[in-house]
Amino acid sequence: MTTTRMTRYDRTMLRVMNDPRGRQLRATAARRRSTVAAHVALTAAIVALLTHFCLSRAEPTWAAVAVVVLLLPWMVAQGLINSATRGLLELRERALDERQLAERSQVLARAHRATTVLLAVAVLGLFAAGTADGDALRTYAPPALAAGLVVHFLMPVWVAGLTAKDEPAEDEPATL
């Protein structure tokens, strides 16, 4: 940990992120991958519904209601990922040790590279759509920019969830 003193908030968040309850939900890499996959799917659904809500000329109130319904499982998945990473991205620097700070830097670098690739693919897709149909670029650019912003914001969480290490197994008592 750094030399800066931890505040009461830091100690509370550290305790919450290291809570042993729910350990079974994050114990294996397969469970963490399925949680991240569910989070990605829920995020995509929410972004698609919000895009429909904003761009639809019809009565899109059902889309807003669906977003509200999907937010609860999305928040649960977000909490499970944060718990699996032990708050790697949520805790302040002063609450992390040197190993966690190095791991955070690696996660952020990987997320940056992945987001760069996805944004390049999105730009190429928008250019291709623009050359095929002149109105397509005007139609698809705002949702693509919104999706790009969401991916940019959440990619570190997804990368951290996918690269989190398994917790050490409980030591069995030695038999003589």
N, C-alpha and C. Protein backbone atom coordinates (compact mmCIF):
# COMPACT_ATOMS: atom_id res chain seq x y z
N MET A 1 0.83 -1.18 0.00
CA MET A 1 0.00 0.00 0.00
C MET A 1 0.87 1.24 0.00
N THR A 2 0.31 2.32 -0.44
CA THR A 2 1.08 3.56 -0.49
C THR A 2 1.18 4.16 0.90
N THR A 3 1.97 5.22 1.02
CA THR A 3 2.18 5.84 2.33
C THR A 3 1.02 6.74 2.75
N THR A 4 0.12 7.07 1.84
CA THR A 4 -1.03 7.90 2.18
C THR A 4 -1.96 7.11 3.07
N ARG A 5 -2.44 7.75 4.10
CA ARG A 5 -3.33 7.07 5.06
C ARG A 5 -4.67 6.77 4.42
N MET A 6 -5.20 5.60 4.71
CA MET A 6 -6.50 5.21 4.18
C MET A 6 -7.60 5.87 5.01
N THR A 7 -8.63 6.33 4.32
CA THR A 7 -9.77 6.94 4.97
C THR A 7 -10.74 5.86 5.41
N ARG A 8 -11.77 6.25 6.13
CA ARG A 8 -12.79 5.29 6.54
C ARG A 8 -13.48 4.70 5.32
N TYR A 9 -13.70 5.53 4.30
CA TYR A 9 -14.29 5.04 3.04
C TYR A 9 -13.40 3.97 2.41
N ASP A 10 -12.08 4.21 2.37
CA ASP A 10 -11.16 3.23 1.80
C ASP A 10 -11.22 1.91 2.56
N ARG A 11 -11.23 1.98 3.88
CA ARG A 11 -11.29 0.75 4.68
C ARG A 11 -12.60 0.01 4.47
N THR A 12 -13.71 0.75 4.36
CA THR A 12 -15.01 0.12 4.12
C THR A 12 -15.04 -0.55 2.76
N MET A 13 -14.57 0.14 1.73
CA MET A 13 -14.57 -0.43 0.39
C MET A 13 -13.64 -1.65 0.30
N LEU A 14 -12.51 -1.60 0.98
CA LEU A 14 -11.59 -2.73 1.00
C LEU A 14 -12.25 -3.94 1.66
N ARG A 15 -12.98 -3.70 2.73
CA ARG A 15 -13.69 -4.78 3.41
C ARG A 15 -14.80 -5.35 2.52
N VAL A 16 -15.53 -4.49 1.82
CA VAL A 16 -16.61 -4.94 0.93
C VAL A 16 -16.05 -5.75 -0.23
N MET A 17 -14.97 -5.27 -0.83
CA MET A 17 -14.40 -5.95 -1.99
C MET A 17 -13.74 -7.28 -1.64
N ASN A 18 -13.38 -7.48 -0.38
CA ASN A 18 -12.75 -8.72 0.05
C ASN A 18 -13.69 -9.57 0.89
N ASP A 19 -14.97 -9.33 0.80
CA ASP A 19 -15.96 -10.10 1.54
C ASP A 19 -15.97 -11.54 1.05
N PRO A 20 -15.84 -12.51 1.96
CA PRO A 20 -15.79 -13.91 1.52
C PRO A 20 -17.13 -14.46 1.05
N ARG A 21 -18.23 -13.79 1.36
CA ARG A 21 -19.52 -14.29 0.89
C ARG A 21 -19.57 -14.22 -0.62
N GLY A 22 -20.16 -15.21 -1.24
CA GLY A 22 -20.24 -15.25 -2.68
C GLY A 22 -18.98 -15.78 -3.34
N ARG A 23 -18.09 -16.36 -2.54
CA ARG A 23 -16.84 -16.89 -3.08
C ARG A 23 -17.10 -17.96 -4.13
N GLN A 24 -18.15 -18.75 -3.95
CA GLN A 24 -18.46 -19.82 -4.90
C GLN A 24 -18.83 -19.27 -6.27
N LEU A 25 -19.39 -18.07 -6.32
CA LEU A 25 -19.78 -17.48 -7.60
C LEU A 25 -18.59 -17.00 -8.42
N ARG A 26 -17.46 -16.80 -7.76
CA ARG A 26 -16.28 -16.30 -8.47
C ARG A 26 -15.07 -17.22 -8.34
N ALA A 27 -15.29 -18.43 -7.84
CA ALA A 27 -14.18 -19.32 -7.49
C ALA A 27 -13.40 -19.83 -8.69
N THR A 28 -14.05 -20.07 -9.81
CA THR A 28 -13.36 -20.65 -10.96
C THR A 28 -13.34 -19.67 -12.13
N ALA A 29 -12.39 -19.91 -13.02
CA ALA A 29 -12.28 -19.06 -14.20
C ALA A 29 -13.52 -19.17 -15.07
N ALA A 30 -14.10 -20.36 -15.15
CA ALA A 30 -15.31 -20.55 -15.97
C ALA A 30 -16.47 -19.72 -15.44
N ARG A 31 -16.62 -19.65 -14.14
CA ARG A 31 -17.70 -18.84 -13.56
C ARG A 31 -17.45 -17.36 -13.80
N ARG A 32 -16.20 -16.94 -13.69
CA ARG A 32 -15.90 -15.53 -13.95
C ARG A 32 -16.13 -15.19 -15.42
N ARG A 33 -15.74 -16.10 -16.32
CA ARG A 33 -15.98 -15.86 -17.75
C ARG A 33 -17.46 -15.79 -18.05
N SER A 34 -18.26 -16.66 -17.43
CA SER A 34 -19.71 -16.62 -17.68
C SER A 34 -20.33 -15.34 -17.11
N THR A 35 -19.82 -14.87 -16.00
CA THR A 35 -20.30 -13.61 -15.43
C THR A 35 -19.96 -12.44 -16.36
N VAL A 36 -18.74 -12.43 -16.88
CA VAL A 36 -18.35 -11.37 -17.81
C VAL A 36 -19.18 -11.45 -19.08
N ALA A 37 -19.41 -12.67 -19.59
CA ALA A 37 -20.24 -12.84 -20.80
C ALA A 37 -21.66 -12.33 -20.56
N ALA A 38 -22.22 -12.65 -19.39
CA ALA A 38 -23.56 -12.15 -19.06
C ALA A 38 -23.56 -10.63 -18.97
N HIS A 39 -22.51 -10.06 -18.39
CA HIS A 39 -22.41 -8.61 -18.26
C HIS A 39 -22.31 -7.95 -19.64
N VAL A 40 -21.52 -8.54 -20.53
CA VAL A 40 -21.39 -8.01 -21.89
C VAL A 40 -22.74 -8.08 -22.61
N ALA A 41 -23.44 -9.22 -22.49
CA ALA A 41 -24.73 -9.37 -23.15
C ALA A 41 -25.76 -8.38 -22.60
N LEU A 42 -25.79 -8.22 -21.28
CA LEU A 42 -26.72 -7.26 -20.68
C LEU A 42 -26.38 -5.83 -21.11
N THR A 43 -25.10 -5.52 -21.17
CA THR A 43 -24.69 -4.19 -21.61
C THR A 43 -25.12 -3.94 -23.05
N ALA A 44 -24.91 -4.92 -23.92
CA ALA A 44 -25.32 -4.77 -25.32
C ALA A 44 -26.83 -4.59 -25.43
N ALA A 45 -27.57 -5.35 -24.66
CA ALA A 45 -29.04 -5.22 -24.69
C ALA A 45 -29.47 -3.84 -24.21
N ILE A 46 -28.87 -3.36 -23.14
CA ILE A 46 -29.23 -2.04 -22.60
C ILE A 46 -28.89 -0.93 -23.60
N VAL A 47 -27.70 -1.01 -24.22
CA VAL A 47 -27.31 0.01 -25.20
C VAL A 47 -28.26 -0.03 -26.40
N ALA A 48 -28.60 -1.24 -26.86
CA ALA A 48 -29.52 -1.36 -28.00
C ALA A 48 -30.89 -0.79 -27.66
N LEU A 49 -31.38 -1.09 -26.46
CA LEU A 49 -32.69 -0.57 -26.06
C LEU A 49 -32.67 0.95 -25.90
N LEU A 50 -31.60 1.48 -25.34
CA LEU A 50 -31.51 2.94 -25.20
C LEU A 50 -31.40 3.61 -26.57
N THR A 51 -30.69 2.98 -27.49
CA THR A 51 -30.60 3.52 -28.85
C THR A 51 -31.98 3.52 -29.50
N HIS A 52 -32.71 2.43 -29.34
CA HIS A 52 -34.07 2.36 -29.88
C HIS A 52 -34.95 3.43 -29.24
N PHE A 53 -34.81 3.59 -27.92
CA PHE A 53 -35.61 4.58 -27.21
C PHE A 53 -35.34 6.00 -27.73
N CYS A 54 -34.07 6.29 -28.01
CA CYS A 54 -33.70 7.64 -28.45
C CYS A 54 -34.00 7.90 -29.92
N LEU A 55 -33.93 6.88 -30.75
CA LEU A 55 -34.06 7.09 -32.19
C LEU A 55 -35.42 6.70 -32.76
N SER A 56 -36.22 5.99 -32.00
CA SER A 56 -37.50 5.52 -32.53
C SER A 56 -38.49 6.66 -32.66
N ARG A 57 -39.25 6.61 -33.73
CA ARG A 57 -40.30 7.62 -33.93
C ARG A 57 -41.63 7.15 -33.34
N ALA A 58 -41.70 5.89 -33.00
CA ALA A 58 -42.92 5.33 -32.41
C ALA A 58 -42.87 5.53 -30.89
N GLU A 59 -43.82 4.93 -30.20
CA GLU A 59 -43.87 4.99 -28.74
C GLU A 59 -42.86 4.00 -28.17
N PRO A 60 -41.67 4.44 -27.76
CA PRO A 60 -40.64 3.51 -27.29
C PRO A 60 -40.61 3.33 -25.78
N THR A 61 -41.72 3.59 -25.08
CA THR A 61 -41.68 3.48 -23.62
C THR A 61 -41.37 2.07 -23.15
N TRP A 62 -41.74 1.06 -23.95
CA TRP A 62 -41.42 -0.31 -23.56
C TRP A 62 -39.91 -0.52 -23.48
N ALA A 63 -39.15 0.19 -24.32
CA ALA A 63 -37.69 0.06 -24.30
C ALA A 63 -37.13 0.63 -22.99
N ALA A 64 -37.66 1.73 -22.53
CA ALA A 64 -37.21 2.32 -21.27
C ALA A 64 -37.52 1.41 -20.10
N VAL A 65 -38.70 0.80 -20.12
CA VAL A 65 -39.08 -0.14 -19.06
C VAL A 65 -38.15 -1.35 -19.09
N ALA A 66 -37.84 -1.86 -20.26
CA ALA A 66 -36.95 -3.01 -20.38
C ALA A 66 -35.55 -2.67 -19.86
N VAL A 67 -35.09 -1.44 -20.10
CA VAL A 67 -33.78 -1.02 -19.60
C VAL A 67 -33.78 -1.05 -18.07
N VAL A 68 -34.83 -0.52 -17.48
CA VAL A 68 -34.93 -0.50 -16.01
C VAL A 68 -34.92 -1.93 -15.46
N VAL A 69 -35.62 -2.84 -16.13
CA VAL A 69 -35.65 -4.23 -15.68
C VAL A 69 -34.28 -4.88 -15.82
N LEU A 70 -33.55 -4.58 -16.89
CA LEU A 70 -32.24 -5.18 -17.11
C LEU A 70 -31.15 -4.60 -16.23
N LEU A 71 -31.37 -3.44 -15.66
CA LEU A 71 -30.33 -2.82 -14.84
C LEU A 71 -30.03 -3.61 -13.57
N LEU A 72 -31.00 -4.26 -12.97
CA LEU A 72 -30.73 -5.02 -11.74
C LEU A 72 -29.78 -6.19 -11.99
N PRO A 73 -30.05 -7.07 -12.97
CA PRO A 73 -29.06 -8.13 -13.21
C PRO A 73 -27.71 -7.58 -13.69
N TRP A 74 -27.73 -6.45 -14.40
CA TRP A 74 -26.47 -5.84 -14.83
C TRP A 74 -25.65 -5.42 -13.62
N MET A 75 -26.31 -4.80 -12.63
CA MET A 75 -25.61 -4.36 -11.43
C MET A 75 -25.09 -5.55 -10.62
N VAL A 76 -25.85 -6.63 -10.57
CA VAL A 76 -25.39 -7.83 -9.86
C VAL A 76 -24.14 -8.39 -10.55
N ALA A 77 -24.17 -8.48 -11.87
CA ALA A 77 -23.00 -8.96 -12.61
C ALA A 77 -21.80 -8.04 -12.40
N GLN A 78 -22.03 -6.73 -12.40
CA GLN A 78 -20.95 -5.77 -12.14
C GLN A 78 -20.35 -5.99 -10.76
N GLY A 79 -21.20 -6.20 -9.77
CA GLY A 79 -20.71 -6.46 -8.42
C GLY A 79 -19.93 -7.76 -8.32
N LEU A 80 -20.38 -8.80 -9.03
CA LEU A 80 -19.64 -10.06 -9.02
C LEU A 80 -18.26 -9.90 -9.66
N ILE A 81 -18.18 -9.14 -10.74
CA ILE A 81 -16.87 -8.92 -11.37
C ILE A 81 -15.98 -8.12 -10.43
N ASN A 82 -16.51 -7.08 -9.80
CA ASN A 82 -15.72 -6.30 -8.85
C ASN A 82 -15.25 -7.16 -7.69
N SER A 83 -16.10 -8.05 -7.24
CA SER A 83 -15.73 -8.95 -6.15
C SER A 83 -14.67 -9.94 -6.59
N ALA A 84 -14.79 -10.45 -7.81
CA ALA A 84 -13.81 -11.42 -8.32
C ALA A 84 -12.43 -10.79 -8.47
N THR A 85 -12.39 -9.51 -8.80
CA THR A 85 -11.11 -8.82 -8.95
C THR A 85 -10.65 -8.17 -7.64
N ARG A 86 -11.43 -8.36 -6.60
CA ARG A 86 -11.17 -7.78 -5.28
C ARG A 86 -11.03 -6.27 -5.34
N GLY A 87 -11.85 -5.64 -6.20
CA GLY A 87 -11.88 -4.19 -6.28
C GLY A 87 -10.69 -3.58 -6.97
N LEU A 88 -10.07 -4.34 -7.86
CA LEU A 88 -8.86 -3.88 -8.54
C LEU A 88 -9.04 -2.51 -9.19
N LEU A 89 -10.19 -2.29 -9.82
CA LEU A 89 -10.45 -1.02 -10.51
C LEU A 89 -11.30 -0.06 -9.69
N GLU A 90 -11.90 -0.55 -8.63
CA GLU A 90 -12.81 0.29 -7.85
C GLU A 90 -12.13 0.94 -6.65
N LEU A 91 -11.10 0.30 -6.12
CA LEU A 91 -10.43 0.84 -4.94
C LEU A 91 -9.45 1.94 -5.34
N ARG A 92 -9.23 2.86 -4.43
CA ARG A 92 -8.24 3.91 -4.66
C ARG A 92 -6.84 3.31 -4.58
N GLU A 93 -5.88 4.03 -5.15
CA GLU A 93 -4.50 3.52 -5.18
C GLU A 93 -3.96 3.25 -3.79
N ARG A 94 -4.31 4.07 -2.83
CA ARG A 94 -3.76 3.90 -1.48
C ARG A 94 -4.27 2.63 -0.79
N ALA A 95 -5.33 2.01 -1.33
CA ALA A 95 -5.85 0.78 -0.75
C ALA A 95 -5.29 -0.47 -1.43
N LEU A 96 -4.45 -0.29 -2.45
CA LEU A 96 -3.88 -1.42 -3.19
C LEU A 96 -2.40 -1.57 -2.87
N ASP A 97 -1.92 -2.82 -2.91
CA ASP A 97 -0.49 -3.04 -2.73
C ASP A 97 0.22 -2.95 -4.09
N GLU A 98 1.53 -3.13 -4.08
CA GLU A 98 2.31 -2.96 -5.31
C GLU A 98 1.91 -3.96 -6.39
N ARG A 99 1.65 -5.21 -5.99
CA ARG A 99 1.24 -6.23 -6.95
C ARG A 99 -0.08 -5.85 -7.61
N GLN A 100 -1.03 -5.37 -6.82
CA GLN A 100 -2.33 -4.97 -7.36
C GLN A 100 -2.20 -3.74 -8.26
N LEU A 101 -1.33 -2.82 -7.90
CA LEU A 101 -1.12 -1.64 -8.75
C LEU A 101 -0.53 -2.05 -10.10
N ALA A 102 0.42 -2.99 -10.08
CA ALA A 102 1.00 -3.48 -11.34
C ALA A 102 -0.06 -4.21 -12.16
N GLU A 103 -0.88 -5.01 -11.48
CA GLU A 103 -1.95 -5.73 -12.18
C GLU A 103 -2.96 -4.76 -12.77
N ARG A 104 -3.28 -3.70 -12.05
CA ARG A 104 -4.21 -2.68 -12.56
C ARG A 104 -3.64 -2.03 -13.83
N SER A 105 -2.35 -1.73 -13.81
CA SER A 105 -1.72 -1.13 -14.99
C SER A 105 -1.78 -2.07 -16.19
N GLN A 106 -1.54 -3.37 -15.96
CA GLN A 106 -1.62 -4.35 -17.04
C GLN A 106 -3.03 -4.44 -17.60
N VAL A 107 -4.02 -4.47 -16.72
CA VAL A 107 -5.41 -4.56 -17.15
C VAL A 107 -5.79 -3.33 -17.97
N LEU A 108 -5.40 -2.16 -17.51
CA LEU A 108 -5.73 -0.94 -18.24
C LEU A 108 -5.05 -0.90 -19.61
N ALA A 109 -3.81 -1.38 -19.69
CA ALA A 109 -3.12 -1.41 -20.97
C ALA A 109 -3.79 -2.39 -21.94
N ARG A 110 -4.16 -3.57 -21.46
CA ARG A 110 -4.85 -4.55 -22.31
C ARG A 110 -6.20 -4.00 -22.77
N ALA A 111 -6.91 -3.37 -21.87
CA ALA A 111 -8.22 -2.81 -22.21
C ALA A 111 -8.07 -1.70 -23.24
N HIS A 112 -7.05 -0.90 -23.10
CA HIS A 112 -6.81 0.17 -24.06
C HIS A 112 -6.54 -0.40 -25.45
N ARG A 113 -5.72 -1.44 -25.52
CA ARG A 113 -5.43 -2.06 -26.82
C ARG A 113 -6.69 -2.68 -27.42
N ALA A 114 -7.48 -3.38 -26.61
CA ALA A 114 -8.71 -4.00 -27.11
C ALA A 114 -9.71 -2.95 -27.59
N THR A 115 -9.85 -1.87 -26.84
CA THR A 115 -10.76 -0.80 -27.24
C THR A 115 -10.30 -0.13 -28.53
N THR A 116 -9.00 0.04 -28.68
CA THR A 116 -8.47 0.63 -29.91
C THR A 116 -8.83 -0.23 -31.12
N VAL A 117 -8.67 -1.54 -30.99
CA VAL A 117 -9.02 -2.44 -32.09
C VAL A 117 -10.51 -2.36 -32.40
N LEU A 118 -11.35 -2.39 -31.37
CA LEU A 118 -12.80 -2.32 -31.60
C LEU A 118 -13.21 -0.99 -32.23
N LEU A 119 -12.60 0.10 -31.80
CA LEU A 119 -12.92 1.39 -32.40
C LEU A 119 -12.48 1.46 -33.86
N ALA A 120 -11.33 0.87 -34.17
CA ALA A 120 -10.88 0.83 -35.57
C ALA A 120 -11.86 0.02 -36.43
N VAL A 121 -12.33 -1.09 -35.91
CA VAL A 121 -13.32 -1.89 -36.64
C VAL A 121 -14.61 -1.10 -36.82
N ALA A 122 -15.03 -0.36 -35.80
CA ALA A 122 -16.25 0.44 -35.90
C ALA A 122 -16.11 1.54 -36.95
N VAL A 123 -14.95 2.19 -36.97
CA VAL A 123 -14.72 3.25 -37.97
C VAL A 123 -14.76 2.66 -39.38
N LEU A 124 -14.08 1.53 -39.57
CA LEU A 124 -14.09 0.89 -40.88
C LEU A 124 -15.51 0.47 -41.28
N GLY A 125 -16.27 -0.04 -40.31
CA GLY A 125 -17.66 -0.41 -40.59
C GLY A 125 -18.51 0.79 -40.96
N LEU A 126 -18.31 1.90 -40.26
CA LEU A 126 -19.07 3.11 -40.59
C LEU A 126 -18.69 3.65 -41.97
N PHE A 127 -17.41 3.61 -42.29
CA PHE A 127 -17.00 4.04 -43.63
C PHE A 127 -17.60 3.15 -44.71
N ALA A 128 -17.61 1.85 -44.46
CA ALA A 128 -18.19 0.92 -45.43
C ALA A 128 -19.68 1.18 -45.58
N ALA A 129 -20.37 1.40 -44.48
CA ALA A 129 -21.80 1.69 -44.55
C ALA A 129 -22.05 3.02 -45.24
N GLY A 130 -21.18 3.99 -45.03
CA GLY A 130 -21.34 5.30 -45.66
C GLY A 130 -21.15 5.26 -47.16
N THR A 131 -20.22 4.41 -47.62
CA THR A 131 -20.02 4.31 -49.07
C THR A 131 -21.14 3.53 -49.74
N ALA A 132 -21.75 2.60 -49.01
CA ALA A 132 -22.84 1.82 -49.58
C ALA A 132 -24.12 2.65 -49.65
N ASP A 133 -24.37 3.47 -48.65
CA ASP A 133 -25.60 4.26 -48.60
C ASP A 133 -25.27 5.57 -47.89
N GLY A 134 -25.55 6.67 -48.50
CA GLY A 134 -25.21 7.98 -47.96
C GLY A 134 -25.87 8.28 -46.63
N ASP A 135 -27.10 7.84 -46.42
CA ASP A 135 -27.80 8.10 -45.16
C ASP A 135 -27.38 7.15 -44.05
N ALA A 136 -26.75 6.07 -44.39
CA ALA A 136 -26.37 5.08 -43.38
C ALA A 136 -25.41 5.67 -42.36
N LEU A 137 -24.48 6.47 -42.82
CA LEU A 137 -23.52 7.05 -41.90
C LEU A 137 -24.20 7.96 -40.88
N ARG A 138 -25.13 8.76 -41.33
CA ARG A 138 -25.87 9.64 -40.43
C ARG A 138 -26.74 8.83 -39.46
N THR A 139 -27.26 7.70 -39.92
CA THR A 139 -28.13 6.88 -39.09
C THR A 139 -27.35 6.08 -38.06
N TYR A 140 -26.22 5.51 -38.47
CA TYR A 140 -25.50 4.58 -37.59
C TYR A 140 -24.40 5.23 -36.75
N ALA A 141 -23.99 6.43 -37.07
CA ALA A 141 -22.90 7.06 -36.33
C ALA A 141 -23.24 7.33 -34.86
N PRO A 142 -24.40 7.91 -34.53
CA PRO A 142 -24.68 8.16 -33.10
C PRO A 142 -24.73 6.88 -32.27
N PRO A 143 -25.44 5.82 -32.72
CA PRO A 143 -25.41 4.60 -31.90
C PRO A 143 -24.01 3.98 -31.81
N ALA A 144 -23.24 4.06 -32.89
CA ALA A 144 -21.88 3.51 -32.85
C ALA A 144 -21.01 4.29 -31.88
N LEU A 145 -21.15 5.62 -31.85
CA LEU A 145 -20.39 6.42 -30.90
C LEU A 145 -20.81 6.12 -29.45
N ALA A 146 -22.10 5.96 -29.22
CA ALA A 146 -22.59 5.62 -27.88
C ALA A 146 -22.05 4.26 -27.44
N ALA A 147 -22.12 3.28 -28.34
CA ALA A 147 -21.61 1.95 -28.02
C ALA A 147 -20.10 2.00 -27.77
N GLY A 148 -19.39 2.79 -28.58
CA GLY A 148 -17.95 2.93 -28.38
C GLY A 148 -17.61 3.53 -27.03
N LEU A 149 -18.38 4.51 -26.59
CA LEU A 149 -18.17 5.12 -25.29
C LEU A 149 -18.40 4.11 -24.16
N VAL A 150 -19.47 3.33 -24.28
CA VAL A 150 -19.78 2.33 -23.26
C VAL A 150 -18.68 1.27 -23.21
N VAL A 151 -18.24 0.81 -24.37
CA VAL A 151 -17.17 -0.20 -24.42
C VAL A 151 -15.88 0.37 -23.83
N HIS A 152 -15.57 1.61 -24.16
CA HIS A 152 -14.38 2.26 -23.60
C HIS A 152 -14.45 2.31 -22.07
N PHE A 153 -15.61 2.57 -21.54
CA PHE A 153 -15.79 2.68 -20.10
C PHE A 153 -15.73 1.31 -19.41
N LEU A 154 -16.31 0.28 -20.03
CA LEU A 154 -16.43 -1.03 -19.38
C LEU A 154 -15.35 -2.04 -19.74
N MET A 155 -14.58 -1.79 -20.78
CA MET A 155 -13.56 -2.76 -21.19
C MET A 155 -12.57 -3.10 -20.06
N PRO A 156 -12.10 -2.13 -19.26
CA PRO A 156 -11.21 -2.53 -18.17
C PRO A 156 -11.86 -3.50 -17.18
N VAL A 157 -13.14 -3.32 -16.91
CA VAL A 157 -13.84 -4.23 -16.00
C VAL A 157 -13.90 -5.62 -16.61
N TRP A 158 -14.21 -5.71 -17.89
CA TRP A 158 -14.30 -7.01 -18.55
C TRP A 158 -12.94 -7.68 -18.61
N VAL A 159 -11.91 -6.94 -18.94
CA VAL A 159 -10.56 -7.52 -18.99
C VAL A 159 -10.13 -7.98 -17.60
N ALA A 160 -10.39 -7.19 -16.59
CA ALA A 160 -10.04 -7.58 -15.22
C ALA A 160 -10.79 -8.84 -14.81
N GLY A 161 -12.06 -8.93 -15.17
CA GLY A 161 -12.83 -10.13 -14.83
C GLY A 161 -12.33 -11.36 -15.55
N LEU A 162 -11.89 -11.19 -16.78
CA LEU A 162 -11.39 -12.34 -17.55
C LEU A 162 -9.98 -12.75 -17.13
N THR A 163 -9.19 -11.84 -16.63
CA THR A 163 -7.81 -12.16 -16.28
C THR A 163 -7.60 -12.38 -14.78
N ALA A 164 -8.66 -12.31 -13.99
CA ALA A 164 -8.52 -12.51 -12.54
C ALA A 164 -8.03 -13.93 -12.26
N LYS A 165 -7.16 -14.04 -11.30
CA LYS A 165 -6.60 -15.33 -10.92
C LYS A 165 -7.51 -16.03 -9.92
N ASP A 166 -7.44 -17.37 -9.92
CA ASP A 166 -8.18 -18.15 -8.93
C ASP A 166 -7.61 -17.88 -7.54
N GLU A 167 -8.49 -17.92 -6.56
CA GLU A 167 -8.04 -17.74 -5.19
C GLU A 167 -7.29 -18.98 -4.75
N PRO A 168 -6.30 -18.83 -3.89
CA PRO A 168 -5.57 -20.00 -3.42
C PRO A 168 -6.51 -20.94 -2.67
N ALA A 169 -6.28 -22.23 -2.86
CA ALA A 169 -7.12 -23.23 -2.21
C ALA A 169 -6.85 -23.21 -0.71
N GLU A 170 -7.89 -23.55 0.04
CA GLU A 170 -7.75 -23.63 1.49
C GLU A 170 -6.75 -24.74 1.81
N ASP A 171 -5.81 -24.44 2.70
CA ASP A 171 -4.84 -25.46 3.08
C ASP A 171 -5.51 -26.52 3.94
N GLU A 172 -5.29 -27.75 3.57
CA GLU A 172 -5.84 -28.84 4.36
C GLU A 172 -4.91 -29.09 5.54
N PRO A 173 -5.47 -29.51 6.67
CA PRO A 173 -4.60 -29.75 7.83
C PRO A 173 -3.66 -30.92 7.54
N ALA A 174 -2.45 -30.76 7.96
CA ALA A 174 -1.44 -31.80 7.72
C ALA A 174 -1.71 -33.01 8.60
N THR A 175 -1.58 -34.16 8.00
CA THR A 175 -1.79 -35.40 8.76
C THR A 175 -0.43 -36.03 9.06
N LEU A 176 -0.29 -36.55 10.25
CA LEU A 176 0.97 -37.15 10.64
C LEU A 176 0.94 -38.63 10.53
